């Protein structure tokens, strides 16, 4: 069973399931493999768009090649949700993941996603 994920383009991901973690929309890819570790991915998109098809495919491949689960946080986007909402949602998900992880957790972010997570600063004015 897979899910169709969107952003800029659609793609179907096998072994993917939508979840809410700490009230935030997320997509788990290969969650059954989380005992080997989990990758938590914060997508880029200037806080206004979700992951593009290439990013979804890359994340699914990364999970498969490393034998880990991957979690994409679908944080709220601007302009409807201004800073620091994306940051706060990402931190809440990370806290929830870390409190229940059965293996190592790797946090990665692409472009603005790197600033949305823990330690991320305020966006440039």
PDB file of N, CA and C in Angstrom:
ATOM      1  N   UNK A   1       0.847  -1.181   0.000  1.00  0.00           N
ATOM      2  CA  UNK A   1       0.000   0.000   0.000  1.00  0.00           C
ATOM      3  C   UNK A   1       0.890   1.241   0.000  1.00  0.00           C
ATOM      4  N   UNK A   2       0.564   2.173  -0.822  1.00  0.00           N
ATOM      5  CA  UNK A   2       1.333   3.402  -0.879  1.00  0.00           C
ATOM      6  C   UNK A   2       0.410   4.602  -0.789  1.00  0.00           C
ATOM      7  N   UNK A   3       1.006   5.755  -0.746  1.00  0.00           N
ATOM      8  CA  UNK A   3       0.227   6.987  -0.735  1.00  0.00           C
ATOM      9  C   UNK A   3       0.718   7.873  -1.858  1.00  0.00           C
ATOM     10  N   UNK A   4      -0.186   8.690  -2.351  1.00  0.00           N
ATOM     11  CA  UNK A   4       0.182   9.704  -3.322  1.00  0.00           C
ATOM     12  C   UNK A   4       0.546  10.953  -2.542  1.00  0.00           C
ATOM     13  N   UNK A   5       1.759  11.420  -2.739  1.00  0.00           N
ATOM     14  CA  UNK A   5       2.227  12.611  -2.048  1.00  0.00           C
ATOM     15  C   UNK A   5       2.357  13.737  -3.052  1.00  0.00           C
ATOM     16  N   UNK A   6       2.132  14.925  -2.568  1.00  0.00           N
ATOM     17  CA  UNK A   6       2.128  16.084  -3.448  1.00  0.00           C
ATOM     18  C   UNK A   6       3.149  17.102  -2.995  1.00  0.00           C
ATOM     19  N   UNK A   7       3.219  18.116  -3.680  1.00  0.00           N
ATOM     20  CA  UNK A   7       4.083  19.266  -3.529  1.00  0.00           C
ATOM     21  C   UNK A   7       4.014  19.901  -4.892  1.00  0.00           C
ATOM     22  N   UNK A   8       5.112  20.008  -5.559  1.00  0.00           N
ATOM     23  CA  UNK A   8       5.124  20.433  -6.949  1.00  0.00           C
ATOM     24  C   UNK A   8       5.274  19.171  -7.791  1.00  0.00           C
ATOM     25  N   UNK A   9       4.170  18.520  -8.071  1.00  0.00           N
ATOM     26  CA  UNK A   9       4.157  17.234  -8.760  1.00  0.00           C
ATOM     27  C   UNK A   9       3.688  16.159  -7.810  1.00  0.00           C
ATOM     28  N   UNK A  10       3.135  15.093  -8.368  1.00  0.00           N
ATOM     29  CA  UNK A  10       2.649  13.987  -7.545  1.00  0.00           C
ATOM     30  C   UNK A  10       3.482  12.754  -7.807  1.00  0.00           C
ATOM     31  N   UNK A  11       3.603  11.940  -6.824  1.00  0.00           N
ATOM     32  CA  UNK A  11       4.246  10.644  -6.981  1.00  0.00           C
ATOM     33  C   UNK A  11       3.623   9.671  -5.992  1.00  0.00           C
ATOM     34  N   UNK A  12       3.613   8.402  -6.356  1.00  0.00           N
ATOM     35  CA  UNK A  12       3.123   7.359  -5.456  1.00  0.00           C
ATOM     36  C   UNK A  12       4.320   6.714  -4.794  1.00  0.00           C
ATOM     37  N   UNK A  13       4.265   6.619  -3.486  1.00  0.00           N
ATOM     38  CA  UNK A  13       5.338   5.986  -2.724  1.00  0.00           C
ATOM     39  C   UNK A  13       4.834   4.677  -2.128  1.00  0.00           C
ATOM     40  N   UNK A  14       5.496   3.588  -2.475  1.00  0.00           N
ATOM     41  CA  UNK A  14       5.179   2.312  -1.846  1.00  0.00           C
ATOM     42  C   UNK A  14       5.688   2.344  -0.414  1.00  0.00           C
ATOM     43  N   UNK A  15       5.035   1.621   0.452  1.00  0.00           N
ATOM     44  CA  UNK A  15       5.440   1.513   1.856  1.00  0.00           C
ATOM     45  C   UNK A  15       5.401   2.866   2.574  1.00  0.00           C
ATOM     46  N   UNK A  16       4.512   3.742   2.146  1.00  0.00           N
ATOM     47  CA  UNK A  16       4.374   5.052   2.798  1.00  0.00           C
ATOM     48  C   UNK A  16       2.991   5.165   3.414  1.00  0.00           C
ATOM     49  N   UNK A  17       2.922   5.849   4.536  1.00  0.00           N
ATOM     50  CA  UNK A  17       1.651   6.059   5.237  1.00  0.00           C
ATOM     51  C   UNK A  17       1.642   7.435   5.856  1.00  0.00           C
ATOM     52  N   UNK A  18       0.497   8.078   5.762  1.00  0.00           N
ATOM     53  CA  UNK A  18       0.315   9.376   6.403  1.00  0.00           C
ATOM     54  C   UNK A  18       0.075   9.175   7.902  1.00  0.00           C
ATOM     55  N   UNK A  19       0.614  10.081   8.687  1.00  0.00           N
ATOM     56  CA  UNK A  19       0.455  10.050  10.147  1.00  0.00           C
ATOM     57  C   UNK A  19       0.338  11.479  10.652  1.00  0.00           C
ATOM     58  N   UNK A  20      -0.121  11.600  11.875  1.00  0.00           N
ATOM     59  CA  UNK A  20      -0.027  12.859  12.619  1.00  0.00           C
ATOM     60  C   UNK A  20       0.829  12.567  13.833  1.00  0.00           C
ATOM     61  N   UNK A  21       1.870  13.351  13.982  1.00  0.00           N
ATOM     62  CA  UNK A  21       2.758  13.219  15.136  1.00  0.00           C
ATOM     63  C   UNK A  21       2.795  14.581  15.795  1.00  0.00           C
ATOM     64  N   UNK A  22       2.473  14.622  17.072  1.00  0.00           N
ATOM     65  CA  UNK A  22       2.383  15.887  17.816  1.00  0.00           C
ATOM     66  C   UNK A  22       1.427  16.854  17.107  1.00  0.00           C
ATOM     67  N   UNK A  23       0.397  16.291  16.476  1.00  0.00           N
ATOM     68  CA  UNK A  23      -0.597  17.102  15.779  1.00  0.00           C
ATOM     69  C   UNK A  23      -0.169  17.608  14.411  1.00  0.00           C
ATOM     70  N   UNK A  24       1.000  17.199  13.936  1.00  0.00           N
ATOM     71  CA  UNK A  24       1.553  17.694  12.678  1.00  0.00           C
ATOM     72  C   UNK A  24       1.467  16.604  11.616  1.00  0.00           C
ATOM     73  N   UNK A  25       1.068  16.995  10.399  1.00  0.00           N
ATOM     74  CA  UNK A  25       1.010  16.038   9.293  1.00  0.00           C
ATOM     75  C   UNK A  25       2.421  15.560   8.942  1.00  0.00           C
ATOM     76  N   UNK A  26       2.539  14.241   8.757  1.00  0.00           N
ATOM     77  CA  UNK A  26       3.821  13.634   8.411  1.00  0.00           C
ATOM     78  C   UNK A  26       3.558  12.454   7.485  1.00  0.00           C
ATOM     79  N   UNK A  27       4.592  12.010   6.800  1.00  0.00           N
ATOM     80  CA  UNK A  27       4.531  10.798   5.988  1.00  0.00           C
ATOM     81  C   UNK A  27       5.698   9.911   6.385  1.00  0.00           C
ATOM     82  N   UNK A  28       5.377   8.678   6.829  1.00  0.00           N
ATOM     83  CA  UNK A  28       6.405   7.678   7.127  1.00  0.00           C
ATOM     84  C   UNK A  28       6.636   6.854   5.879  1.00  0.00           C
ATOM     85  N   UNK A  29       7.893   6.614   5.553  1.00  0.00           N
ATOM     86  CA  UNK A  29       8.270   5.721   4.466  1.00  0.00           C
ATOM     87  C   UNK A  29       9.040   4.562   5.100  1.00  0.00           C
ATOM     88  N   UNK A  30       8.591   3.339   4.838  1.00  0.00           N
ATOM     89  CA  UNK A  30       9.236   2.140   5.367  1.00  0.00           C
ATOM     90  C   UNK A  30       9.356   2.172   6.891  1.00  0.00           C
ATOM     91  N   UNK A  31       8.267   2.555   7.565  1.00  0.00           N
ATOM     92  CA  UNK A  31       8.300   2.659   9.027  1.00  0.00           C
ATOM     93  C   UNK A  31       8.681   1.344   9.695  1.00  0.00           C
ATOM     94  N   UNK A  32       8.380   0.233   9.061  1.00  0.00           N
ATOM     95  CA  UNK A  32       8.731  -1.071   9.645  1.00  0.00           C
ATOM     96  C   UNK A  32      10.236  -1.232   9.804  1.00  0.00           C
ATOM     97  N   UNK A  33      11.035  -0.419   9.128  1.00  0.00           N
ATOM     98  CA  UNK A  33      12.489  -0.511   9.226  1.00  0.00           C
ATOM     99  C   UNK A  33      13.092   0.421  10.278  1.00  0.00           C
ATOM    100  N   UNK A  34      12.272   1.011  11.128  1.00  0.00           N
ATOM    101  CA  UNK A  34      12.771   2.028  12.056  1.00  0.00           C
ATOM    102  C   UNK A  34      13.710   1.479  13.120  1.00  0.00           C
ATOM    103  N   UNK A  35      13.761   0.166  13.326  1.00  0.00           N
ATOM    104  CA  UNK A  35      14.694  -0.370  14.326  1.00  0.00           C
ATOM    105  C   UNK A  35      16.147  -0.155  13.910  1.00  0.00           C
ATOM    106  N   UNK A  36      16.388   0.046  12.630  1.00  0.00           N
ATOM    107  CA  UNK A  36      17.732   0.340  12.130  1.00  0.00           C
ATOM    108  C   UNK A  36      18.046   1.833  12.206  1.00  0.00           C
ATOM    109  N   UNK A  37      17.053   2.612  12.539  1.00  0.00           N
ATOM    110  CA  UNK A  37      17.212   4.060  12.614  1.00  0.00           C
ATOM    111  C   UNK A  37      16.156   4.744  11.773  1.00  0.00           C
ATOM    112  N   UNK A  38      16.035   6.026  11.999  1.00  0.00           N
ATOM    113  CA  UNK A  38      15.042   6.815  11.274  1.00  0.00           C
ATOM    114  C   UNK A  38      15.682   8.097  10.764  1.00  0.00           C
ATOM    115  N   UNK A  39      15.314   8.452   9.565  1.00  0.00           N
ATOM    116  CA  UNK A  39      15.703   9.727   8.980  1.00  0.00           C
ATOM    117  C   UNK A  39      14.492  10.643   9.103  1.00  0.00           C
ATOM    118  N   UNK A  40      14.681  11.808   9.682  1.00  0.00           N
ATOM    119  CA  UNK A  40      13.611  12.809   9.740  1.00  0.00           C
ATOM    120  C   UNK A  40      14.003  13.902   8.759  1.00  0.00           C
ATOM    121  N   UNK A  41      13.136  14.137   7.776  1.00  0.00           N
ATOM    122  CA  UNK A  41      13.436  15.056   6.681  1.00  0.00           C
ATOM    123  C   UNK A  41      12.548  16.291   6.732  1.00  0.00           C
ATOM    124  N   UNK A  42      13.198  17.447   6.705  1.00  0.00           N
ATOM    125  CA  UNK A  42      12.499  18.730   6.629  1.00  0.00           C
ATOM    126  C   UNK A  42      12.726  19.286   5.225  1.00  0.00           C
ATOM    127  N   UNK A  43      11.668  19.365   4.458  1.00  0.00           N
ATOM    128  CA  UNK A  43      11.773  19.760   3.054  1.00  0.00           C
ATOM    129  C   UNK A  43      12.060  21.243   2.875  1.00  0.00           C
ATOM    130  N   UNK A  44      12.639  21.557   1.762  1.00  0.00           N
ATOM    131  CA  UNK A  44      12.823  22.947   1.358  1.00  0.00           C
ATOM    132  C   UNK A  44      11.560  23.455   0.677  1.00  0.00           C
ATOM    133  N   UNK A  45      11.620  24.653   0.152  1.00  0.00           N
ATOM    134  CA  UNK A  45      10.474  25.221  -0.553  1.00  0.00           C
ATOM    135  C   UNK A  45      10.139  26.620  -0.093  1.00  0.00           C
ATOM    136  N   UNK A  46      11.117  27.290   0.524  1.00  0.00           N
ATOM    137  CA  UNK A  46      10.954  28.687   0.958  1.00  0.00           C
ATOM    138  C   UNK A  46       9.769  28.892   1.888  1.00  0.00           C
ATOM    139  N   UNK A  47       9.414  27.866   2.638  1.00  0.00           N
ATOM    140  CA  UNK A  47       8.279  27.895   3.585  1.00  0.00           C
ATOM    141  C   UNK A  47       6.929  28.102   2.899  1.00  0.00           C
ATOM    142  N   UNK A  48       6.876  28.002   1.553  1.00  0.00           N
ATOM    143  CA  UNK A  48       5.602  28.220   0.852  1.00  0.00           C
ATOM    144  C   UNK A  48       5.174  27.036  -0.007  1.00  0.00           C
ATOM    145  N   UNK A  49       6.067  26.068  -0.269  1.00  0.00           N
ATOM    146  CA  UNK A  49       5.680  24.886  -1.037  1.00  0.00           C
ATOM    147  C   UNK A  49       6.192  23.640  -0.334  1.00  0.00           C
ATOM    148  N   UNK A  50       5.551  22.534  -0.637  1.00  0.00           N
ATOM    149  CA  UNK A  50       5.977  21.260  -0.077  1.00  0.00           C
ATOM    150  C   UNK A  50       7.057  20.626  -0.924  1.00  0.00           C
ATOM    151  N   UNK A  51       7.425  19.394  -0.582  1.00  0.00           N
ATOM    152  CA  UNK A  51       8.477  18.719  -1.341  1.00  0.00           C
ATOM    153  C   UNK A  51       8.067  18.504  -2.799  1.00  0.00           C
ATOM    154  N   UNK A  52       9.049  18.573  -3.685  1.00  0.00           N
ATOM    155  CA  UNK A  52       8.801  18.275  -5.088  1.00  0.00           C
ATOM    156  C   UNK A  52       9.001  16.776  -5.312  1.00  0.00           C
ATOM    157  N   UNK A  53       8.534  16.283  -6.433  1.00  0.00           N
ATOM    158  CA  UNK A  53       8.611  14.853  -6.734  1.00  0.00           C
ATOM    159  C   UNK A  53      10.031  14.316  -6.566  1.00  0.00           C
ATOM    160  N   UNK A  54      11.012  15.047  -7.034  1.00  0.00           N
ATOM    161  CA  UNK A  54      12.407  14.623  -6.923  1.00  0.00           C
ATOM    162  C   UNK A  54      12.802  14.400  -5.464  1.00  0.00           C
ATOM    163  N   UNK A  55      12.352  15.277  -4.554  1.00  0.00           N
ATOM    164  CA  UNK A  55      12.682  15.128  -3.137  1.00  0.00           C
ATOM    165  C   UNK A  55      12.030  13.888  -2.542  1.00  0.00           C
ATOM    166  N   UNK A  56      10.782  13.601  -2.912  1.00  0.00           N
ATOM    167  CA  UNK A  56      10.111  12.395  -2.406  1.00  0.00           C
ATOM    168  C   UNK A  56      10.855  11.153  -2.867  1.00  0.00           C
ATOM    169  N   UNK A  57      11.207  11.121  -4.153  1.00  0.00           N
ATOM    170  CA  UNK A  57      11.898   9.955  -4.691  1.00  0.00           C
ATOM    171  C   UNK A  57      13.271   9.781  -4.041  1.00  0.00           C
ATOM    172  N   UNK A  58      13.967  10.886  -3.830  1.00  0.00           N
ATOM    173  CA  UNK A  58      15.283  10.841  -3.185  1.00  0.00           C
ATOM    174  C   UNK A  58      15.164  10.296  -1.765  1.00  0.00           C
ATOM    175  N   UNK A  59      14.180  10.771  -1.023  1.00  0.00           N
ATOM    176  CA  UNK A  59      14.002  10.326   0.362  1.00  0.00           C
ATOM    177  C   UNK A  59      13.657   8.847   0.423  1.00  0.00           C
ATOM    178  N   UNK A  60      12.792   8.385  -0.456  1.00  0.00           N
ATOM    179  CA  UNK A  60      12.433   6.961  -0.485  1.00  0.00           C
ATOM    180  C   UNK A  60      13.652   6.109  -0.828  1.00  0.00           C
ATOM    181  N   UNK A  61      14.463   6.573  -1.768  1.00  0.00           N
ATOM    182  CA  UNK A  61      15.681   5.845  -2.137  1.00  0.00           C
ATOM    183  C   UNK A  61      16.674   5.835  -0.986  1.00  0.00           C
ATOM    184  N   UNK A  62      16.834   6.966  -0.319  1.00  0.00           N
ATOM    185  CA  UNK A  62      17.745   7.053   0.822  1.00  0.00           C
ATOM    186  C   UNK A  62      17.335   6.076   1.917  1.00  0.00           C
ATOM    187  N   UNK A  63      16.044   6.012   2.220  1.00  0.00           N
ATOM    188  CA  UNK A  63      15.552   5.077   3.239  1.00  0.00           C
ATOM    189  C   UNK A  63      15.850   3.638   2.836  1.00  0.00           C
ATOM    190  N   UNK A  64      15.586   3.315   1.592  1.00  0.00           N
ATOM    191  CA  UNK A  64      15.816   1.946   1.116  1.00  0.00           C
ATOM    192  C   UNK A  64      17.299   1.592   1.161  1.00  0.00           C
ATOM    193  N   UNK A  65      18.140   2.480   0.680  1.00  0.00           N
ATOM    194  CA  UNK A  65      19.577   2.206   0.609  1.00  0.00           C
ATOM    195  C   UNK A  65      20.239   2.123   1.986  1.00  0.00           C
ATOM    196  N   UNK A  66      19.708   2.840   2.956  1.00  0.00           N
ATOM    197  CA  UNK A  66      20.293   2.826   4.298  1.00  0.00           C
ATOM    198  C   UNK A  66      19.605   1.833   5.235  1.00  0.00           C
ATOM    199  N   UNK A  67      18.506   1.238   4.791  1.00  0.00           N
ATOM    200  CA  UNK A  67      17.793   0.285   5.627  1.00  0.00           C
ATOM    201  C   UNK A  67      17.085   0.935   6.802  1.00  0.00           C
ATOM    202  N   UNK A  68      16.739   2.199   6.665  1.00  0.00           N
ATOM    203  CA  UNK A  68      16.063   2.932   7.735  1.00  0.00           C
ATOM    204  C   UNK A  68      14.664   3.332   7.299  1.00  0.00           C
ATOM    205  N   UNK A  69      13.918   3.821   8.258  1.00  0.00           N
ATOM    206  CA  UNK A  69      12.636   4.456   7.963  1.00  0.00           C
ATOM    207  C   UNK A  69      12.909   5.932   7.680  1.00  0.00           C
ATOM    208  N   UNK A  70      12.015   6.558   6.952  1.00  0.00           N
ATOM    209  CA  UNK A  70      12.149   7.996   6.705  1.00  0.00           C
ATOM    210  C   UNK A  70      10.827   8.669   7.046  1.00  0.00           C
ATOM    211  N   UNK A  71      10.927   9.795   7.686  1.00  0.00           N
ATOM    212  CA  UNK A  71       9.753  10.566   8.058  1.00  0.00           C
ATOM    213  C   UNK A  71       9.880  11.952   7.447  1.00  0.00           C
ATOM    214  N   UNK A  72       8.917  12.314   6.634  1.00  0.00           N
ATOM    215  CA  UNK A  72       8.876  13.669   6.080  1.00  0.00           C
ATOM    216  C   UNK A  72       7.846  14.463   6.886  1.00  0.00           C
ATOM    217  N   UNK A  73       8.290  15.565   7.453  1.00  0.00           N
ATOM    218  CA  UNK A  73       7.393  16.431   8.213  1.00  0.00           C
ATOM    219  C   UNK A  73       6.746  17.403   7.238  1.00  0.00           C
ATOM    220  N   UNK A  74       5.432  17.390   7.199  1.00  0.00           N
ATOM    221  CA  UNK A  74       4.675  18.270   6.308  1.00  0.00           C
ATOM    222  C   UNK A  74       4.235  19.496   7.101  1.00  0.00           C
ATOM    223  N   UNK A  75       5.223  20.304   7.483  1.00  0.00           N
ATOM    224  CA  UNK A  75       4.935  21.453   8.338  1.00  0.00           C
ATOM    225  C   UNK A  75       4.059  22.483   7.614  1.00  0.00           C
ATOM    226  N   UNK A  76       3.347  23.288   8.378  1.00  0.00           N
ATOM    227  CA  UNK A  76       2.433  24.295   7.826  1.00  0.00           C
ATOM    228  C   UNK A  76       3.209  25.345   7.038  1.00  0.00           C
ATOM    229  N   UNK A  77       2.586  25.815   5.971  1.00  0.00           N
ATOM    230  CA  UNK A  77       3.261  26.709   5.034  1.00  0.00           C
ATOM    231  C   UNK A  77       2.715  28.134   5.086  1.00  0.00           C
ATOM    232  N   UNK A  78       3.587  29.067   4.712  1.00  0.00           N
ATOM    233  CA  UNK A  78       3.215  30.473   4.565  1.00  0.00           C
ATOM    234  C   UNK A  78       2.469  30.629   3.231  1.00  0.00           C
ATOM    235  N   UNK A  79       1.697  31.643   3.044  1.00  0.00           N
ATOM    236  CA  UNK A  79       1.521  32.775   3.939  1.00  0.00           C
ATOM    237  C   UNK A  79       0.462  32.552   5.020  1.00  0.00           C
ATOM    238  N   UNK A  80      -0.272  31.420   4.927  1.00  0.00           N
ATOM    239  CA  UNK A  80      -1.321  31.181   5.919  1.00  0.00           C
ATOM    240  C   UNK A  80      -0.756  30.963   7.314  1.00  0.00           C
ATOM    241  N   UNK A  81       0.446  30.441   7.394  1.00  0.00           N
ATOM    242  CA  UNK A  81       1.059  30.106   8.675  1.00  0.00           C
ATOM    243  C   UNK A  81       2.442  30.746   8.740  1.00  0.00           C
ATOM    244  N   UNK A  82       2.530  31.857   9.429  1.00  0.00           N
ATOM    245  CA  UNK A  82       3.775  32.629   9.488  1.00  0.00           C
ATOM    246  C   UNK A  82       4.781  31.995  10.442  1.00  0.00           C
ATOM    247  N   UNK A  83       6.044  32.374  10.274  1.00  0.00           N
ATOM    248  CA  UNK A  83       7.094  31.968  11.182  1.00  0.00           C
ATOM    249  C   UNK A  83       6.716  32.424  12.585  1.00  0.00           C
ATOM    250  N   UNK A  84       6.895  31.609  13.595  1.00  0.00           N
ATOM    251  CA  UNK A  84       7.709  30.401  13.714  1.00  0.00           C
ATOM    252  C   UNK A  84       6.920  29.099  13.683  1.00  0.00           C
ATOM    253  N   UNK A  85       5.759  29.067  13.034  1.00  0.00           N
ATOM    254  CA  UNK A  85       4.922  27.863  13.085  1.00  0.00           C
ATOM    255  C   UNK A  85       5.646  26.640  12.531  1.00  0.00           C
ATOM    256  N   UNK A  86       6.283  26.746  11.366  1.00  0.00           N
ATOM    257  CA  UNK A  86       6.997  25.595  10.789  1.00  0.00           C
ATOM    258  C   UNK A  86       8.078  25.100  11.744  1.00  0.00           C
ATOM    259  N   UNK A  87       8.805  26.008  12.316  1.00  0.00           N
ATOM    260  CA  UNK A  87       9.858  25.665  13.276  1.00  0.00           C
ATOM    261  C   UNK A  87       9.267  24.955  14.498  1.00  0.00           C
ATOM    262  N   UNK A  88       8.220  25.532  15.073  1.00  0.00           N
ATOM    263  CA  UNK A  88       7.605  24.942  16.270  1.00  0.00           C
ATOM    264  C   UNK A  88       7.046  23.554  15.996  1.00  0.00           C
ATOM    265  N   UNK A  89       6.407  23.379  14.842  1.00  0.00           N
ATOM    266  CA  UNK A  89       5.866  22.062  14.489  1.00  0.00           C
ATOM    267  C   UNK A  89       6.995  21.041  14.321  1.00  0.00           C
ATOM    268  N   UNK A  90       8.060  21.442  13.667  1.00  0.00           N
ATOM    269  CA  UNK A  90       9.193  20.537  13.441  1.00  0.00           C
ATOM    270  C   UNK A  90       9.834  20.116  14.759  1.00  0.00           C
ATOM    271  N   UNK A  91       9.998  21.053  15.664  1.00  0.00           N
ATOM    272  CA  UNK A  91      10.575  20.737  16.975  1.00  0.00           C
ATOM    273  C   UNK A  91       9.656  19.785  17.745  1.00  0.00           C
ATOM    274  N   UNK A  92       8.360  20.012  17.683  1.00  0.00           N
ATOM    275  CA  UNK A  92       7.413  19.132  18.384  1.00  0.00           C
ATOM    276  C   UNK A  92       7.486  17.706  17.846  1.00  0.00           C
ATOM    277  N   UNK A  93       7.572  17.559  16.530  1.00  0.00           N
ATOM    278  CA  UNK A  93       7.682  16.221  15.943  1.00  0.00           C
ATOM    279  C   UNK A  93       9.000  15.572  16.362  1.00  0.00           C
ATOM    280  N   UNK A  94      10.086  16.315  16.306  1.00  0.00           N
ATOM    281  CA  UNK A  94      11.381  15.758  16.702  1.00  0.00           C
ATOM    282  C   UNK A  94      11.369  15.280  18.152  1.00  0.00           C
ATOM    283  N   UNK A  95      10.780  16.057  19.041  1.00  0.00           N
ATOM    284  CA  UNK A  95      10.692  15.637  20.448  1.00  0.00           C
ATOM    285  C   UNK A  95       9.915  14.331  20.574  1.00  0.00           C
ATOM    286  N   UNK A  96       8.808  14.218  19.846  1.00  0.00           N
ATOM    287  CA  UNK A  96       7.999  13.000  19.904  1.00  0.00           C
ATOM    288  C   UNK A  96       8.766  11.806  19.348  1.00  0.00           C
ATOM    289  N   UNK A  97       9.470  12.008  18.252  1.00  0.00           N
ATOM    290  CA  UNK A  97      10.244  10.916  17.645  1.00  0.00           C
ATOM    291  C   UNK A  97      11.366  10.474  18.580  1.00  0.00           C
ATOM    292  N   UNK A  98      12.086  11.430  19.120  1.00  0.00           N
ATOM    293  CA  UNK A  98      13.209  11.094  19.993  1.00  0.00           C
ATOM    294  C   UNK A  98      12.760  10.375  21.262  1.00  0.00           C
ATOM    295  N   UNK A  99      11.568  10.697  21.741  1.00  0.00           N
ATOM    296  CA  UNK A  99      11.091  10.062  22.977  1.00  0.00           C
ATOM    297  C   UNK A  99      10.678   8.610  22.763  1.00  0.00           C
ATOM    298  N   UNK A 100      10.444   8.211  21.517  1.00  0.00           N
ATOM    299  CA  UNK A 100       9.991   6.840  21.277  1.00  0.00           C
ATOM    300  C   UNK A 100      10.880   6.065  20.303  1.00  0.00           C
ATOM    301  N   UNK A 101      12.003   6.621  19.915  1.00  0.00           N
ATOM    302  CA  UNK A 101      12.868   5.979  18.916  1.00  0.00           C
ATOM    303  C   UNK A 101      13.487   4.694  19.453  1.00  0.00           C
ATOM    304  N   UNK A 102      13.519   3.675  18.600  1.00  0.00           N
ATOM    305  CA  UNK A 102      14.164   2.415  18.988  1.00  0.00           C
ATOM    306  C   UNK A 102      15.563   2.293  18.397  1.00  0.00           C
ATOM    307  N   UNK A 103      15.992   3.286  17.650  1.00  0.00           N
ATOM    308  CA  UNK A 103      17.317   3.304  17.047  1.00  0.00           C
ATOM    309  C   UNK A 103      17.749   4.742  16.854  1.00  0.00           C
ATOM    310  N   UNK A 104      18.848   4.946  16.160  1.00  0.00           N
ATOM    311  CA  UNK A 104      19.325   6.317  15.947  1.00  0.00           C
ATOM    312  C   UNK A 104      18.365   7.133  15.083  1.00  0.00           C
ATOM    313  N   UNK A 105      18.378   8.436  15.287  1.00  0.00           N
ATOM    314  CA  UNK A 105      17.541   9.353  14.511  1.00  0.00           C
ATOM    315  C   UNK A 105      18.469  10.362  13.832  1.00  0.00           C
ATOM    316  N   UNK A 106      18.305  10.491  12.532  1.00  0.00           N
ATOM    317  CA  UNK A 106      19.116  11.400  11.737  1.00  0.00           C
ATOM    318  C   UNK A 106      18.226  12.513  11.206  1.00  0.00           C
ATOM    319  N   UNK A 107      18.559  13.745  11.497  1.00  0.00           N
ATOM    320  CA  UNK A 107      17.783  14.895  11.044  1.00  0.00           C
ATOM    321  C   UNK A 107      18.482  15.510   9.845  1.00  0.00           C
ATOM    322  N   UNK A 108      17.748  15.631   8.738  1.00  0.00           N
ATOM    323  CA  UNK A 108      18.287  16.295   7.559  1.00  0.00           C
ATOM    324  C   UNK A 108      17.263  17.299   7.048  1.00  0.00           C
ATOM    325  N   UNK A 109      17.757  18.360   6.480  1.00  0.00           N
ATOM    326  CA  UNK A 109      16.874  19.375   5.925  1.00  0.00           C
ATOM    327  C   UNK A 109      17.442  19.917   4.636  1.00  0.00           C
ATOM    328  N   UNK A 110      16.564  20.150   3.689  1.00  0.00           N
ATOM    329  CA  UNK A 110      16.975  20.711   2.411  1.00  0.00           C
ATOM    330  C   UNK A 110      16.605  22.175   2.338  1.00  0.00           C
ATOM    331  N   UNK A 111      17.574  23.016   2.079  1.00  0.00           N
ATOM    332  CA  UNK A 111      17.344  24.446   1.898  1.00  0.00           C
ATOM    333  C   UNK A 111      16.649  25.012   3.130  1.00  0.00           C
ATOM    334  N   UNK A 112      15.466  25.580   2.960  1.00  0.00           N
ATOM    335  CA  UNK A 112      14.783  26.173   4.114  1.00  0.00           C
ATOM    336  C   UNK A 112      14.421  25.143   5.170  1.00  0.00           C
ATOM    337  N   UNK A 113      14.303  23.894   4.784  1.00  0.00           N
ATOM    338  CA  UNK A 113      14.031  22.838   5.761  1.00  0.00           C
ATOM    339  C   UNK A 113      15.124  22.725   6.800  1.00  0.00           C
ATOM    340  N   UNK A 114      16.335  23.092   6.418  1.00  0.00           N
ATOM    341  CA  UNK A 114      17.442  23.092   7.367  1.00  0.00           C
ATOM    342  C   UNK A 114      17.295  24.130   8.449  1.00  0.00           C
ATOM    343  N   UNK A 115      16.491  25.142   8.168  1.00  0.00           N
ATOM    344  CA  UNK A 115      16.264  26.202   9.174  1.00  0.00           C
ATOM    345  C   UNK A 115      14.965  25.985   9.952  1.00  0.00           C
ATOM    346  N   UNK A 116      14.122  25.086   9.469  1.00  0.00           N
ATOM    347  CA  UNK A 116      12.835  24.876  10.130  1.00  0.00           C
ATOM    348  C   UNK A 116      12.959  24.036  11.393  1.00  0.00           C
ATOM    349  N   UNK A 117      14.016  23.270  11.502  1.00  0.00           N
ATOM    350  CA  UNK A 117      14.160  22.341  12.613  1.00  0.00           C
ATOM    351  C   UNK A 117      14.804  22.958  13.837  1.00  0.00           C
ATOM    352  N   UNK A 118      15.119  22.101  14.793  1.00  0.00           N
ATOM    353  CA  UNK A 118      15.772  22.559  16.014  1.00  0.00           C
ATOM    354  C   UNK A 118      17.057  23.315  15.679  1.00  0.00           C
ATOM    355  N   UNK A 119      17.261  24.422  16.307  1.00  0.00           N
ATOM    356  CA  UNK A 119      18.455  25.219  16.057  1.00  0.00           C
ATOM    357  C   UNK A 119      18.306  26.180  14.901  1.00  0.00           C
ATOM    358  N   UNK A 120      17.215  26.080  14.168  1.00  0.00           N
ATOM    359  CA  UNK A 120      16.989  26.984  13.039  1.00  0.00           C
ATOM    360  C   UNK A 120      16.675  28.382  13.530  1.00  0.00           C
ATOM    361  N   UNK A 121      17.208  29.362  12.868  1.00  0.00           N
ATOM    362  CA  UNK A 121      16.975  30.744  13.269  1.00  0.00           C
ATOM    363  C   UNK A 121      15.779  31.335  12.556  1.00  0.00           C
ATOM    364  N   UNK A 122      15.491  32.566  12.869  1.00  0.00           N
ATOM    365  CA  UNK A 122      14.399  33.269  12.205  1.00  0.00           C
ATOM    366  C   UNK A 122      14.756  33.465  10.738  1.00  0.00           C
ATOM    367  N   UNK A 123      13.764  33.379   9.842  1.00  0.00           N
ATOM    368  CA  UNK A 123      14.050  33.591   8.427  1.00  0.00           C
ATOM    369  C   UNK A 123      14.543  35.002   8.177  1.00  0.00           C
ATOM    370  N   UNK A 124      15.348  35.144   7.149  1.00  0.00           N
ATOM    371  CA  UNK A 124      15.845  36.465   6.789  1.00  0.00           C
ATOM    372  C   UNK A 124      14.691  37.386   6.412  1.00  0.00           C
ATOM    373  N   UNK A 125      14.781  38.646   6.793  1.00  0.00           N
ATOM    374  CA  UNK A 125      13.713  39.593   6.483  1.00  0.00           C
ATOM    375  C   UNK A 125      13.782  40.017   5.047  1.00  0.00           C
TER     376      UNK A 125
END
